[in-house]
């Protein structure tokens, strides 16, 4: 396993992060324990979680698993998603942030969360209020570093500017969606992160499983990410995505590499990416993803794979002058 510094934090993380959304949902506690232990054997010490995963169940299971090795690990969680039916059990108000972090700390059984992400932008709350609440948590030691997930580049830069102006703790990490199918992050988010010195921990490197080749001919069955989730069907269910996957899987097999491993390795090789997040609901799925650490990706091979998809739109309307 390779390791990298997480943005401007000075903290070292494994080049692969394991996402625990499956813990307590599609993976029971026994399976979750096996997945965690295999990640540790592979050298992964970076684990991503969120309060909404299993409505807290994922945090509870992760908390039990990290009990004997907490200081060896970098643990994340998130706030913003709905945790109940109450009107104030969601969003990025100071009220919800402070209540949510206490609940996450309790479920995780820890005194601090290494990276605490705003899970998405909250248009109902002034950004300054949310960032000030995050700064207070940093000063109290309950979180060590703020992060932003699913924020566009321009809002991220605005948040950085506010924190700079006010002397508040700045976000050190962003978490966008990024894979061979969904390449929008290449337009602005990834260049912005490189310019600002932000770590990038992208999710869905396998495109919701589409890039593994499991949806032959675009057929979606149950007990799969697309089969279980309407959101994922909307995200990845377009016919052209399966066309990309077909070309990609053919290429992977010609190179003698498992498509899951190659999809993760492709994301990992982007110079702005710190650590892609892999997930699994079974030991077999995890082993396929872990092989990404052994793929000898090069710049030339990366470009060859990129040509199987469609490039991200450019961030300016002046494309005739470069």
C-alpha atoms as a PDB file:
ATOM      1  CA  UNK A   1       0.000   0.000   0.000  1.00  0.00           C
ATOM      2  CA  UNK A   2       1.237   3.479  -0.865  1.00  0.00           C
ATOM      3  CA  UNK A   3       0.604   6.489   1.363  1.00  0.00           C
ATOM      4  CA  UNK A   4       0.230  10.228   0.784  1.00  0.00           C
ATOM      5  CA  UNK A   5      -0.114  13.447   2.760  1.00  0.00           C
ATOM      6  CA  UNK A   6      -3.736  14.577   3.032  1.00  0.00           C
ATOM      7  CA  UNK A   7      -3.656  18.076   1.569  1.00  0.00           C
ATOM      8  CA  UNK A   8      -2.202  20.707   3.894  1.00  0.00           C
ATOM      9  CA  UNK A   9      -2.981  18.693   7.029  1.00  0.00           C
ATOM     10  CA  UNK A  10       0.381  16.986   7.355  1.00  0.00           C
ATOM     11  CA  UNK A  11      -1.514  13.743   8.057  1.00  0.00           C
ATOM     12  CA  UNK A  12      -0.505  10.601   6.169  1.00  0.00           C
ATOM     13  CA  UNK A  13      -3.270   8.442   4.704  1.00  0.00           C
ATOM     14  CA  UNK A  14      -3.339   5.265   2.661  1.00  0.00           C
ATOM     15  CA  UNK A  15      -3.757   5.843  -1.086  1.00  0.00           C
ATOM     16  CA  UNK A  16      -6.969   3.823  -0.862  1.00  0.00           C
ATOM     17  CA  UNK A  17      -9.759   4.819   1.527  1.00  0.00           C
ATOM     18  CA  UNK A  18     -12.428   2.320   2.528  1.00  0.00           C
ATOM     19  CA  UNK A  19     -16.008   3.575   2.602  1.00  0.00           C
ATOM     20  CA  UNK A  20     -18.157   1.985   5.294  1.00  0.00           C
ATOM     21  CA  UNK A  21     -21.603   2.709   3.885  1.00  0.00           C
ATOM     22  CA  UNK A  22     -22.203  -1.050   3.635  1.00  0.00           C
ATOM     23  CA  UNK A  23     -21.638  -1.608   7.366  1.00  0.00           C
ATOM     24  CA  UNK A  24     -24.928  -2.527   8.968  1.00  0.00           C
ATOM     25  CA  UNK A  25     -26.870  -2.122   5.736  1.00  0.00           C
ATOM     26  CA  UNK A  26     -25.965  -4.604   2.984  1.00  0.00           C
ATOM     27  CA  UNK A  27     -23.188  -6.128   5.116  1.00  0.00           C
ATOM     28  CA  UNK A  28     -24.035  -7.510   8.543  1.00  0.00           C
ATOM     29  CA  UNK A  29     -21.680  -7.047  11.483  1.00  0.00           C
ATOM     30  CA  UNK A  30     -19.805 -10.294  10.844  1.00  0.00           C
ATOM     31  CA  UNK A  31     -19.159  -9.404   7.215  1.00  0.00           C
ATOM     32  CA  UNK A  32     -18.294  -5.828   8.163  1.00  0.00           C
ATOM     33  CA  UNK A  33     -15.722  -7.118  10.632  1.00  0.00           C
ATOM     34  CA  UNK A  34     -14.129  -9.323   7.980  1.00  0.00           C
ATOM     35  CA  UNK A  35     -14.005  -6.421   5.516  1.00  0.00           C
ATOM     36  CA  UNK A  36     -12.403  -4.125   8.076  1.00  0.00           C
ATOM     37  CA  UNK A  37      -9.768  -6.675   9.040  1.00  0.00           C
ATOM     38  CA  UNK A  38      -8.882  -7.377   5.419  1.00  0.00           C
ATOM     39  CA  UNK A  39      -8.481  -3.633   4.791  1.00  0.00           C
ATOM     40  CA  UNK A  40      -6.127  -3.393   7.742  1.00  0.00           C
ATOM     41  CA  UNK A  41      -4.120  -6.365   6.449  1.00  0.00           C
ATOM     42  CA  UNK A  42      -3.812  -4.583   3.104  1.00  0.00           C
ATOM     43  CA  UNK A  43      -2.427  -1.460   4.797  1.00  0.00           C
ATOM     44  CA  UNK A  44      -5.554   0.713   4.668  1.00  0.00           C
ATOM     45  CA  UNK A  45      -5.802   3.060   7.650  1.00  0.00           C
ATOM     46  CA  UNK A  46      -8.213   5.592   6.117  1.00  0.00           C
ATOM     47  CA  UNK A  47     -11.929   4.900   6.687  1.00  0.00           C
ATOM     48  CA  UNK A  48     -14.836   7.034   5.489  1.00  0.00           C
ATOM     49  CA  UNK A  49     -18.221   7.108   7.189  1.00  0.00           C
ATOM     50  CA  UNK A  50     -21.293   9.353   7.609  1.00  0.00           C
ATOM     51  CA  UNK A  51     -24.057   9.732  10.142  1.00  0.00           C
ATOM     52  CA  UNK A  52     -26.715   8.883   7.559  1.00  0.00           C
ATOM     53  CA  UNK A  53     -25.155   5.530   6.609  1.00  0.00           C
ATOM     54  CA  UNK A  54     -27.635   3.077   8.051  1.00  0.00           C
ATOM     55  CA  UNK A  55     -29.009   5.967  10.132  1.00  0.00           C
ATOM     56  CA  UNK A  56     -26.017   5.674  12.453  1.00  0.00           C
ATOM     57  CA  UNK A  57     -25.595   1.907  12.253  1.00  0.00           C
ATOM     58  CA  UNK A  58     -22.422   2.163  10.138  1.00  0.00           C
ATOM     59  CA  UNK A  59     -20.819   4.493  12.675  1.00  0.00           C
ATOM     60  CA  UNK A  60     -21.736   2.138  15.514  1.00  0.00           C
ATOM     61  CA  UNK A  61     -20.125  -0.868  13.837  1.00  0.00           C
ATOM     62  CA  UNK A  62     -17.053   1.112  12.777  1.00  0.00           C
ATOM     63  CA  UNK A  63     -16.734   2.405  16.328  1.00  0.00           C
ATOM     64  CA  UNK A  64     -16.548  -1.113  17.720  1.00  0.00           C
ATOM     65  CA  UNK A  65     -14.005  -2.143  15.104  1.00  0.00           C
ATOM     66  CA  UNK A  66     -11.620   0.762  15.725  1.00  0.00           C
ATOM     67  CA  UNK A  67     -11.680   0.460  19.507  1.00  0.00           C
ATOM     68  CA  UNK A  68      -8.275  -1.260  19.757  1.00  0.00           C
ATOM     69  CA  UNK A  69      -6.498   0.674  16.989  1.00  0.00           C
ATOM     70  CA  UNK A  70      -8.041   4.159  16.987  1.00  0.00           C
ATOM     71  CA  UNK A  71      -4.737   6.054  17.064  1.00  0.00           C
ATOM     72  CA  UNK A  72      -3.503   4.189  13.972  1.00  0.00           C
ATOM     73  CA  UNK A  73      -6.451   5.286  11.850  1.00  0.00           C
ATOM     74  CA  UNK A  74      -7.814   8.338  10.058  1.00  0.00           C
ATOM     75  CA  UNK A  75     -11.605   8.368  10.452  1.00  0.00           C
ATOM     76  CA  UNK A  76     -14.118  10.615   8.706  1.00  0.00           C
ATOM     77  CA  UNK A  77     -17.799  11.265   9.148  1.00  0.00           C
ATOM     78  CA  UNK A  78     -20.335  13.705   7.736  1.00  0.00           C
ATOM     79  CA  UNK A  79     -23.244  15.957   8.595  1.00  0.00           C
ATOM     80  CA  UNK A  80     -26.146  17.440   6.578  1.00  0.00           C
ATOM     81  CA  UNK A  81     -28.264  14.470   5.537  1.00  0.00           C
ATOM     82  CA  UNK A  82     -31.614  13.795   7.206  1.00  0.00           C
ATOM     83  CA  UNK A  83     -31.321  11.658  10.348  1.00  0.00           C
ATOM     84  CA  UNK A  84     -35.036  11.694  11.169  1.00  0.00           C
ATOM     85  CA  UNK A  85     -38.388  13.195  10.320  1.00  0.00           C
ATOM     86  CA  UNK A  86     -37.830  16.332  12.389  1.00  0.00           C
ATOM     87  CA  UNK A  87     -37.414  19.552  10.456  1.00  0.00           C
ATOM     88  CA  UNK A  88     -34.148  20.333  12.258  1.00  0.00           C
ATOM     89  CA  UNK A  89     -32.600  16.875  11.927  1.00  0.00           C
ATOM     90  CA  UNK A  90     -30.797  17.791   8.721  1.00  0.00           C
ATOM     91  CA  UNK A  91     -28.827  20.577   7.095  1.00  0.00           C
ATOM     92  CA  UNK A  92     -25.862  22.682   8.148  1.00  0.00           C
ATOM     93  CA  UNK A  93     -27.339  24.908  10.820  1.00  0.00           C
ATOM     94  CA  UNK A  94     -25.148  25.424  13.870  1.00  0.00           C
ATOM     95  CA  UNK A  95     -27.819  23.584  15.856  1.00  0.00           C
ATOM     96  CA  UNK A  96     -27.691  20.472  13.693  1.00  0.00           C
ATOM     97  CA  UNK A  97     -23.906  20.445  13.323  1.00  0.00           C
ATOM     98  CA  UNK A  98     -23.297  20.594  17.083  1.00  0.00           C
ATOM     99  CA  UNK A  99     -25.944  17.981  17.867  1.00  0.00           C
ATOM    100  CA  UNK A 100     -24.830  15.691  15.058  1.00  0.00           C
ATOM    101  CA  UNK A 101     -21.144  15.679  15.935  1.00  0.00           C
ATOM    102  CA  UNK A 102     -21.916  14.679  19.520  1.00  0.00           C
ATOM    103  CA  UNK A 103     -24.078  11.810  18.287  1.00  0.00           C
ATOM    104  CA  UNK A 104     -21.394  10.674  15.818  1.00  0.00           C
ATOM    105  CA  UNK A 105     -18.665  10.796  18.477  1.00  0.00           C
ATOM    106  CA  UNK A 106     -20.803   8.636  20.746  1.00  0.00           C
ATOM    107  CA  UNK A 107     -21.576   6.094  18.023  1.00  0.00           C
ATOM    108  CA  UNK A 108     -17.935   5.943  16.930  1.00  0.00           C
ATOM    109  CA  UNK A 109     -16.748   5.632  20.521  1.00  0.00           C
ATOM    110  CA  UNK A 110     -14.025   8.221  20.016  1.00  0.00           C
ATOM    111  CA  UNK A 111     -13.131  11.642  21.348  1.00  0.00           C
ATOM    112  CA  UNK A 112     -12.438  13.162  17.925  1.00  0.00           C
ATOM    113  CA  UNK A 113     -13.245  12.772  14.238  1.00  0.00           C
ATOM    114  CA  UNK A 114     -10.224  13.302  11.989  1.00  0.00           C
ATOM    115  CA  UNK A 115     -12.104  14.782   9.024  1.00  0.00           C
ATOM    116  CA  UNK A 116     -15.680  16.009   9.409  1.00  0.00           C
ATOM    117  CA  UNK A 117     -17.385  16.679   6.084  1.00  0.00           C
ATOM    118  CA  UNK A 118     -20.315  18.851   5.195  1.00  0.00           C
ATOM    119  CA  UNK A 119     -22.063  16.090   3.235  1.00  0.00           C
ATOM    120  CA  UNK A 120     -23.659  18.517   0.810  1.00  0.00           C
ATOM    121  CA  UNK A 121     -24.348  22.241   0.524  1.00  0.00           C
ATOM    122  CA  UNK A 122     -27.274  23.623   2.519  1.00  0.00           C
ATOM    123  CA  UNK A 123     -28.898  26.582   0.716  1.00  0.00           C
ATOM    124  CA  UNK A 124     -31.069  27.350   3.756  1.00  0.00           C
ATOM    125  CA  UNK A 125     -28.131  28.188   6.031  1.00  0.00           C
ATOM    126  CA  UNK A 126     -25.623  31.030   5.574  1.00  0.00           C
ATOM    127  CA  UNK A 127     -22.228  29.555   4.828  1.00  0.00           C
ATOM    128  CA  UNK A 128     -20.611  31.686   7.537  1.00  0.00           C
ATOM    129  CA  UNK A 129     -22.779  30.085  10.231  1.00  0.00           C
ATOM    130  CA  UNK A 130     -21.805  26.564   9.179  1.00  0.00           C
ATOM    131  CA  UNK A 131     -18.103  27.350   8.873  1.00  0.00           C
ATOM    132  CA  UNK A 132     -18.023  29.083  12.253  1.00  0.00           C
ATOM    133  CA  UNK A 133     -19.620  26.046  13.889  1.00  0.00           C
ATOM    134  CA  UNK A 134     -16.983  23.843  12.273  1.00  0.00           C
ATOM    135  CA  UNK A 135     -14.217  26.127  13.522  1.00  0.00           C
ATOM    136  CA  UNK A 136     -15.603  25.933  17.058  1.00  0.00           C
ATOM    137  CA  UNK A 137     -15.479  22.135  16.875  1.00  0.00           C
ATOM    138  CA  UNK A 138     -11.861  22.266  15.733  1.00  0.00           C
ATOM    139  CA  UNK A 139     -10.982  24.560  18.640  1.00  0.00           C
ATOM    140  CA  UNK A 140     -12.711  22.150  21.028  1.00  0.00           C
ATOM    141  CA  UNK A 141     -10.778  19.207  19.554  1.00  0.00           C
ATOM    142  CA  UNK A 142     -13.920  17.293  18.619  1.00  0.00           C
ATOM    143  CA  UNK A 143     -12.921  17.372  14.969  1.00  0.00           C
ATOM    144  CA  UNK A 144      -9.422  17.861  13.648  1.00  0.00           C
ATOM    145  CA  UNK A 145     -10.012  18.983  10.064  1.00  0.00           C
ATOM    146  CA  UNK A 146     -13.063  20.231   8.143  1.00  0.00           C
ATOM    147  CA  UNK A 147     -13.957  18.786   4.751  1.00  0.00           C
ATOM    148  CA  UNK A 148     -16.482  19.459   1.986  1.00  0.00           C
ATOM    149  CA  UNK A 149     -18.356  16.750   0.081  1.00  0.00           C
ATOM    150  CA  UNK A 150     -20.385  17.344  -3.079  1.00  0.00           C
ATOM    151  CA  UNK A 151     -19.617  21.082  -3.177  1.00  0.00           C
ATOM    152  CA  UNK A 152     -18.905  22.817  -6.470  1.00  0.00           C
ATOM    153  CA  UNK A 153     -15.527  24.438  -6.933  1.00  0.00           C
ATOM    154  CA  UNK A 154     -16.778  28.017  -6.661  1.00  0.00           C
ATOM    155  CA  UNK A 155     -18.495  27.411  -3.315  1.00  0.00           C
ATOM    156  CA  UNK A 156     -15.418  25.622  -2.026  1.00  0.00           C
ATOM    157  CA  UNK A 157     -13.216  28.588  -2.901  1.00  0.00           C
ATOM    158  CA  UNK A 158     -15.723  30.938  -1.284  1.00  0.00           C
ATOM    159  CA  UNK A 159     -15.591  28.846   1.898  1.00  0.00           C
ATOM    160  CA  UNK A 160     -11.789  28.956   1.871  1.00  0.00           C
ATOM    161  CA  UNK A 161     -11.853  32.726   1.440  1.00  0.00           C
ATOM    162  CA  UNK A 162     -14.282  33.193   4.345  1.00  0.00           C
ATOM    163  CA  UNK A 163     -12.143  31.021   6.612  1.00  0.00           C
ATOM    164  CA  UNK A 164      -9.013  32.924   5.582  1.00  0.00           C
ATOM    165  CA  UNK A 165     -10.684  36.261   6.292  1.00  0.00           C
ATOM    166  CA  UNK A 166     -12.083  35.221   9.659  1.00  0.00           C
ATOM    167  CA  UNK A 167      -9.119  33.163  10.837  1.00  0.00           C
ATOM    168  CA  UNK A 168     -11.216  30.001  11.008  1.00  0.00           C
ATOM    169  CA  UNK A 169     -10.035  26.441  10.367  1.00  0.00           C
ATOM    170  CA  UNK A 170     -10.011  25.845   6.619  1.00  0.00           C
ATOM    171  CA  UNK A 171     -11.313  22.729   4.883  1.00  0.00           C
ATOM    172  CA  UNK A 172      -8.390  20.486   3.964  1.00  0.00           C
ATOM    173  CA  UNK A 173     -10.211  17.885   1.895  1.00  0.00           C
ATOM    174  CA  UNK A 174     -12.930  17.641  -0.742  1.00  0.00           C
ATOM    175  CA  UNK A 175     -14.974  14.598  -1.688  1.00  0.00           C
ATOM    176  CA  UNK A 176     -16.417  14.705  -5.211  1.00  0.00           C
ATOM    177  CA  UNK A 177     -17.870  11.961  -7.368  1.00  0.00           C
ATOM    178  CA  UNK A 178     -15.269  10.904  -9.936  1.00  0.00           C
ATOM    179  CA  UNK A 179     -14.899   7.954 -12.289  1.00  0.00           C
ATOM    180  CA  UNK A 180     -14.502   7.184 -15.983  1.00  0.00           C
ATOM    181  CA  UNK A 181     -18.249   7.726 -16.513  1.00  0.00           C
ATOM    182  CA  UNK A 182     -18.703  10.836 -14.355  1.00  0.00           C
ATOM    183  CA  UNK A 183     -15.765  13.112 -15.178  1.00  0.00           C
ATOM    184  CA  UNK A 184     -17.256  16.509 -14.346  1.00  0.00           C
ATOM    185  CA  UNK A 185     -14.729  16.946 -11.531  1.00  0.00           C
ATOM    186  CA  UNK A 186     -11.981  17.314 -14.134  1.00  0.00           C
ATOM    187  CA  UNK A 187     -13.435  20.635 -15.302  1.00  0.00           C
ATOM    188  CA  UNK A 188     -13.040  22.686 -12.118  1.00  0.00           C
ATOM    189  CA  UNK A 189     -12.989  20.680  -8.871  1.00  0.00           C
ATOM    190  CA  UNK A 190      -9.735  18.804  -9.457  1.00  0.00           C
ATOM    191  CA  UNK A 191      -7.802  21.816 -10.830  1.00  0.00           C
ATOM    192  CA  UNK A 192      -9.133  23.944  -7.965  1.00  0.00           C
ATOM    193  CA  UNK A 193      -8.051  21.370  -5.402  1.00  0.00           C
ATOM    194  CA  UNK A 194      -4.540  21.233  -6.854  1.00  0.00           C
ATOM    195  CA  UNK A 195      -4.292  25.027  -6.853  1.00  0.00           C
ATOM    196  CA  UNK A 196      -5.565  25.341  -3.268  1.00  0.00           C
ATOM    197  CA  UNK A 197      -3.612  22.405  -1.851  1.00  0.00           C
ATOM    198  CA  UNK A 198      -6.720  20.412  -0.958  1.00  0.00           C
ATOM    199  CA  UNK A 199      -6.775  16.639  -0.626  1.00  0.00           C
ATOM    200  CA  UNK A 200      -9.222  14.897  -2.958  1.00  0.00           C
ATOM    201  CA  UNK A 201     -10.965  11.739  -1.779  1.00  0.00           C
ATOM    202  CA  UNK A 202     -13.387  10.844  -4.594  1.00  0.00           C
ATOM    203  CA  UNK A 203     -16.214   8.364  -4.242  1.00  0.00           C
ATOM    204  CA  UNK A 204     -17.766   5.945  -6.756  1.00  0.00           C
ATOM    205  CA  UNK A 205     -14.510   5.166  -8.627  1.00  0.00           C
ATOM    206  CA  UNK A 206     -16.254   2.142 -10.173  1.00  0.00           C
ATOM    207  CA  UNK A 207     -19.282   4.131 -11.278  1.00  0.00           C
ATOM    208  CA  UNK A 208     -21.705   2.387  -8.932  1.00  0.00           C
ATOM    209  CA  UNK A 209     -20.419  -0.965 -10.183  1.00  0.00           C
ATOM    210  CA  UNK A 210     -21.173  -0.195 -13.838  1.00  0.00           C
ATOM    211  CA  UNK A 211     -17.452  -0.215 -14.711  1.00  0.00           C
ATOM    212  CA  UNK A 212     -17.001  -3.715 -13.282  1.00  0.00           C
ATOM    213  CA  UNK A 213     -19.045  -5.145 -16.159  1.00  0.00           C
ATOM    214  CA  UNK A 214     -21.725  -6.659 -13.923  1.00  0.00           C
ATOM    215  CA  UNK A 215     -24.542  -5.007 -15.895  1.00  0.00           C
ATOM    216  CA  UNK A 216     -24.069  -6.835 -19.186  1.00  0.00           C
ATOM    217  CA  UNK A 217     -26.192  -5.256 -21.878  1.00  0.00           C
ATOM    218  CA  UNK A 218     -27.461  -2.710 -19.374  1.00  0.00           C
ATOM    219  CA  UNK A 219     -29.475  -5.328 -17.494  1.00  0.00           C
ATOM    220  CA  UNK A 220     -29.977  -4.294 -13.858  1.00  0.00           C
ATOM    221  CA  UNK A 221     -30.852  -6.969 -11.316  1.00  0.00           C
ATOM    222  CA  UNK A 222     -31.570  -6.959  -7.588  1.00  0.00           C
ATOM    223  CA  UNK A 223     -28.899  -7.080  -4.852  1.00  0.00           C
ATOM    224  CA  UNK A 224     -26.697  -4.666  -6.773  1.00  0.00           C
ATOM    225  CA  UNK A 225     -26.113  -0.965  -6.274  1.00  0.00           C
ATOM    226  CA  UNK A 226     -28.292  -0.012  -9.245  1.00  0.00           C
ATOM    227  CA  UNK A 227     -30.825  -2.698  -8.425  1.00  0.00           C
ATOM    228  CA  UNK A 228     -31.212  -1.507  -4.828  1.00  0.00           C
ATOM    229  CA  UNK A 229     -31.145   2.260  -5.345  1.00  0.00           C
ATOM    230  CA  UNK A 230     -33.281   4.511  -7.500  1.00  0.00           C
ATOM    231  CA  UNK A 231     -30.701   7.263  -6.954  1.00  0.00           C
ATOM    232  CA  UNK A 232     -27.965   5.118  -8.468  1.00  0.00           C
ATOM    233  CA  UNK A 233     -30.176   4.145 -11.399  1.00  0.00           C
ATOM    234  CA  UNK A 234     -30.718   7.826 -12.110  1.00  0.00           C
ATOM    235  CA  UNK A 235     -27.013   8.523 -11.671  1.00  0.00           C
ATOM    236  CA  UNK A 236     -25.613   5.761 -13.852  1.00  0.00           C
ATOM    237  CA  UNK A 237     -28.502   4.146 -15.716  1.00  0.00           C
ATOM    238  CA  UNK A 238     -28.179   6.003 -19.038  1.00  0.00           C
ATOM    239  CA  UNK A 239     -27.457   3.711 -22.032  1.00  0.00           C
ATOM    240  CA  UNK A 240     -24.251   5.554 -22.953  1.00  0.00           C
ATOM    241  CA  UNK A 241     -22.795   4.697 -19.547  1.00  0.00           C
ATOM    242  CA  UNK A 242     -23.148   0.993 -20.271  1.00  0.00           C
ATOM    243  CA  UNK A 243     -21.503   1.583 -23.651  1.00  0.00           C
ATOM    244  CA  UNK A 244     -18.500   3.140 -21.883  1.00  0.00           C
ATOM    245  CA  UNK A 245     -18.429   0.235 -19.471  1.00  0.00           C
ATOM    246  CA  UNK A 246     -18.461  -2.296 -22.290  1.00  0.00           C
ATOM    247  CA  UNK A 247     -15.453  -0.642 -23.944  1.00  0.00           C
ATOM    248  CA  UNK A 248     -13.679  -0.347 -20.609  1.00  0.00           C
ATOM    249  CA  UNK A 249     -14.259  -3.962 -19.546  1.00  0.00           C
ATOM    250  CA  UNK A 250     -13.017  -5.196 -22.938  1.00  0.00           C
ATOM    251  CA  UNK A 251      -9.881  -3.087 -22.510  1.00  0.00           C
ATOM    252  CA  UNK A 252      -9.315  -4.362 -18.959  1.00  0.00           C
ATOM    253  CA  UNK A 253      -9.610  -7.994 -20.024  1.00  0.00           C
ATOM    254  CA  UNK A 254      -7.221  -7.447 -22.903  1.00  0.00           C
ATOM    255  CA  UNK A 255      -4.712  -6.084 -20.399  1.00  0.00           C
ATOM    256  CA  UNK A 256      -5.314  -8.952 -17.968  1.00  0.00           C
ATOM    257  CA  UNK A 257      -6.576  -6.682 -15.180  1.00  0.00           C
ATOM    258  CA  UNK A 258      -9.835  -6.985 -13.275  1.00  0.00           C
ATOM    259  CA  UNK A 259     -12.117  -4.090 -14.337  1.00  0.00           C
ATOM    260  CA  UNK A 260     -12.799  -3.076 -10.719  1.00  0.00           C
ATOM    261  CA  UNK A 261      -9.088  -2.782  -9.992  1.00  0.00           C
ATOM    262  CA  UNK A 262      -8.440  -0.858 -13.190  1.00  0.00           C
ATOM    263  CA  UNK A 263     -11.309   1.574 -12.536  1.00  0.00           C
ATOM    264  CA  UNK A 264      -9.914   2.414  -9.107  1.00  0.00           C
ATOM    265  CA  UNK A 265      -6.327   2.626 -10.385  1.00  0.00           C
ATOM    266  CA  UNK A 266      -7.410   5.044 -13.132  1.00  0.00           C
ATOM    267  CA  UNK A 267      -8.985   7.409 -10.604  1.00  0.00           C
ATOM    268  CA  UNK A 268      -6.039   7.038  -8.232  1.00  0.00           C
ATOM    269  CA  UNK A 269      -3.544   8.027 -10.934  1.00  0.00           C
ATOM    270  CA  UNK A 270      -5.002  11.493 -11.473  1.00  0.00           C
ATOM    271  CA  UNK A 271      -2.408  13.879  -9.993  1.00  0.00           C
ATOM    272  CA  UNK A 272      -5.021  15.734  -7.918  1.00  0.00           C
ATOM    273  CA  UNK A 273      -6.415  12.583  -6.286  1.00  0.00           C
ATOM    274  CA  UNK A 274      -5.215  11.633  -2.820  1.00  0.00           C
ATOM    275  CA  UNK A 275      -7.181   8.434  -2.213  1.00  0.00           C
ATOM    276  CA  UNK A 276     -10.260   7.051  -3.976  1.00  0.00           C
ATOM    277  CA  UNK A 277     -12.920   5.535  -1.746  1.00  0.00           C
ATOM    278  CA  UNK A 278     -13.691   1.883  -2.369  1.00  0.00           C
ATOM    279  CA  UNK A 279     -16.615   0.034  -0.883  1.00  0.00           C
ATOM    280  CA  UNK A 280     -17.731  -3.575  -0.701  1.00  0.00           C
ATOM    281  CA  UNK A 281     -20.597  -5.714   0.464  1.00  0.00           C
ATOM    282  CA  UNK A 282     -18.571  -8.953   0.325  1.00  0.00           C
ATOM    283  CA  UNK A 283     -15.002 -10.213   0.659  1.00  0.00           C
ATOM    284  CA  UNK A 284     -14.900 -11.015  -3.053  1.00  0.00           C
ATOM    285  CA  UNK A 285     -15.754  -7.454  -4.039  1.00  0.00           C
ATOM    286  CA  UNK A 286     -13.120  -6.087  -1.683  1.00  0.00           C
ATOM    287  CA  UNK A 287     -10.368  -8.295  -3.091  1.00  0.00           C
ATOM    288  CA  UNK A 288     -11.105  -7.058  -6.608  1.00  0.00           C
ATOM    289  CA  UNK A 289     -10.784  -3.435  -5.529  1.00  0.00           C
ATOM    290  CA  UNK A 290      -7.622  -3.984  -3.491  1.00  0.00           C
ATOM    291  CA  UNK A 291      -5.861  -5.168  -6.635  1.00  0.00           C
ATOM    292  CA  UNK A 292      -5.826  -1.512  -7.725  1.00  0.00           C
ATOM    293  CA  UNK A 293      -2.743  -0.999  -5.559  1.00  0.00           C
ATOM    294  CA  UNK A 294      -0.844  -3.406  -7.835  1.00  0.00           C
ATOM    295  CA  UNK A 295      -1.862  -1.927 -11.209  1.00  0.00           C
ATOM    296  CA  UNK A 296       1.207  -0.312 -12.871  1.00  0.00           C
ATOM    297  CA  UNK A 297      -0.718   2.692 -14.205  1.00  0.00           C
ATOM    298  CA  UNK A 298       1.205   5.172 -16.388  1.00  0.00           C
ATOM    299  CA  UNK A 299       0.292   8.553 -17.858  1.00  0.00           C
ATOM    300  CA  UNK A 300       0.045   6.997 -21.308  1.00  0.00           C
ATOM    301  CA  UNK A 301      -2.196   4.183 -20.126  1.00  0.00           C
ATOM    302  CA  UNK A 302      -4.360   6.665 -18.217  1.00  0.00           C
ATOM    303  CA  UNK A 303      -4.907   8.650 -21.435  1.00  0.00           C
ATOM    304  CA  UNK A 304      -5.699   5.469 -23.344  1.00  0.00           C
ATOM    305  CA  UNK A 305      -8.411   4.602 -20.836  1.00  0.00           C
ATOM    306  CA  UNK A 306      -9.694   8.189 -20.770  1.00  0.00           C
ATOM    307  CA  UNK A 307     -10.262   7.951 -24.532  1.00  0.00           C
ATOM    308  CA  UNK A 308     -12.824   5.188 -23.909  1.00  0.00           C
ATOM    309  CA  UNK A 309     -15.094   7.774 -22.287  1.00  0.00           C
ATOM    310  CA  UNK A 310     -16.100  11.369 -22.959  1.00  0.00           C
ATOM    311  CA  UNK A 311     -13.995  14.273 -21.673  1.00  0.00           C
ATOM    312  CA  UNK A 312     -15.424  16.664 -19.126  1.00  0.00           C
ATOM    313  CA  UNK A 313     -16.719  19.972 -20.504  1.00  0.00           C
ATOM    314  CA  UNK A 314     -14.166  22.747 -20.273  1.00  0.00           C
ATOM    315  CA  UNK A 315     -14.616  25.416 -17.625  1.00  0.00           C
ATOM    316  CA  UNK A 316     -14.589  28.327 -20.066  1.00  0.00           C
ATOM    317  CA  UNK A 317     -16.328  29.243 -23.301  1.00  0.00           C
ATOM    318  CA  UNK A 318     -13.005  30.171 -24.929  1.00  0.00           C
ATOM    319  CA  UNK A 319     -11.790  26.865 -26.294  1.00  0.00           C
ATOM    320  CA  UNK A 320     -10.144  28.152 -29.478  1.00  0.00           C
ATOM    321  CA  UNK A 321      -7.244  29.658 -27.545  1.00  0.00           C
ATOM    322  CA  UNK A 322      -5.228  27.481 -25.236  1.00  0.00           C
END
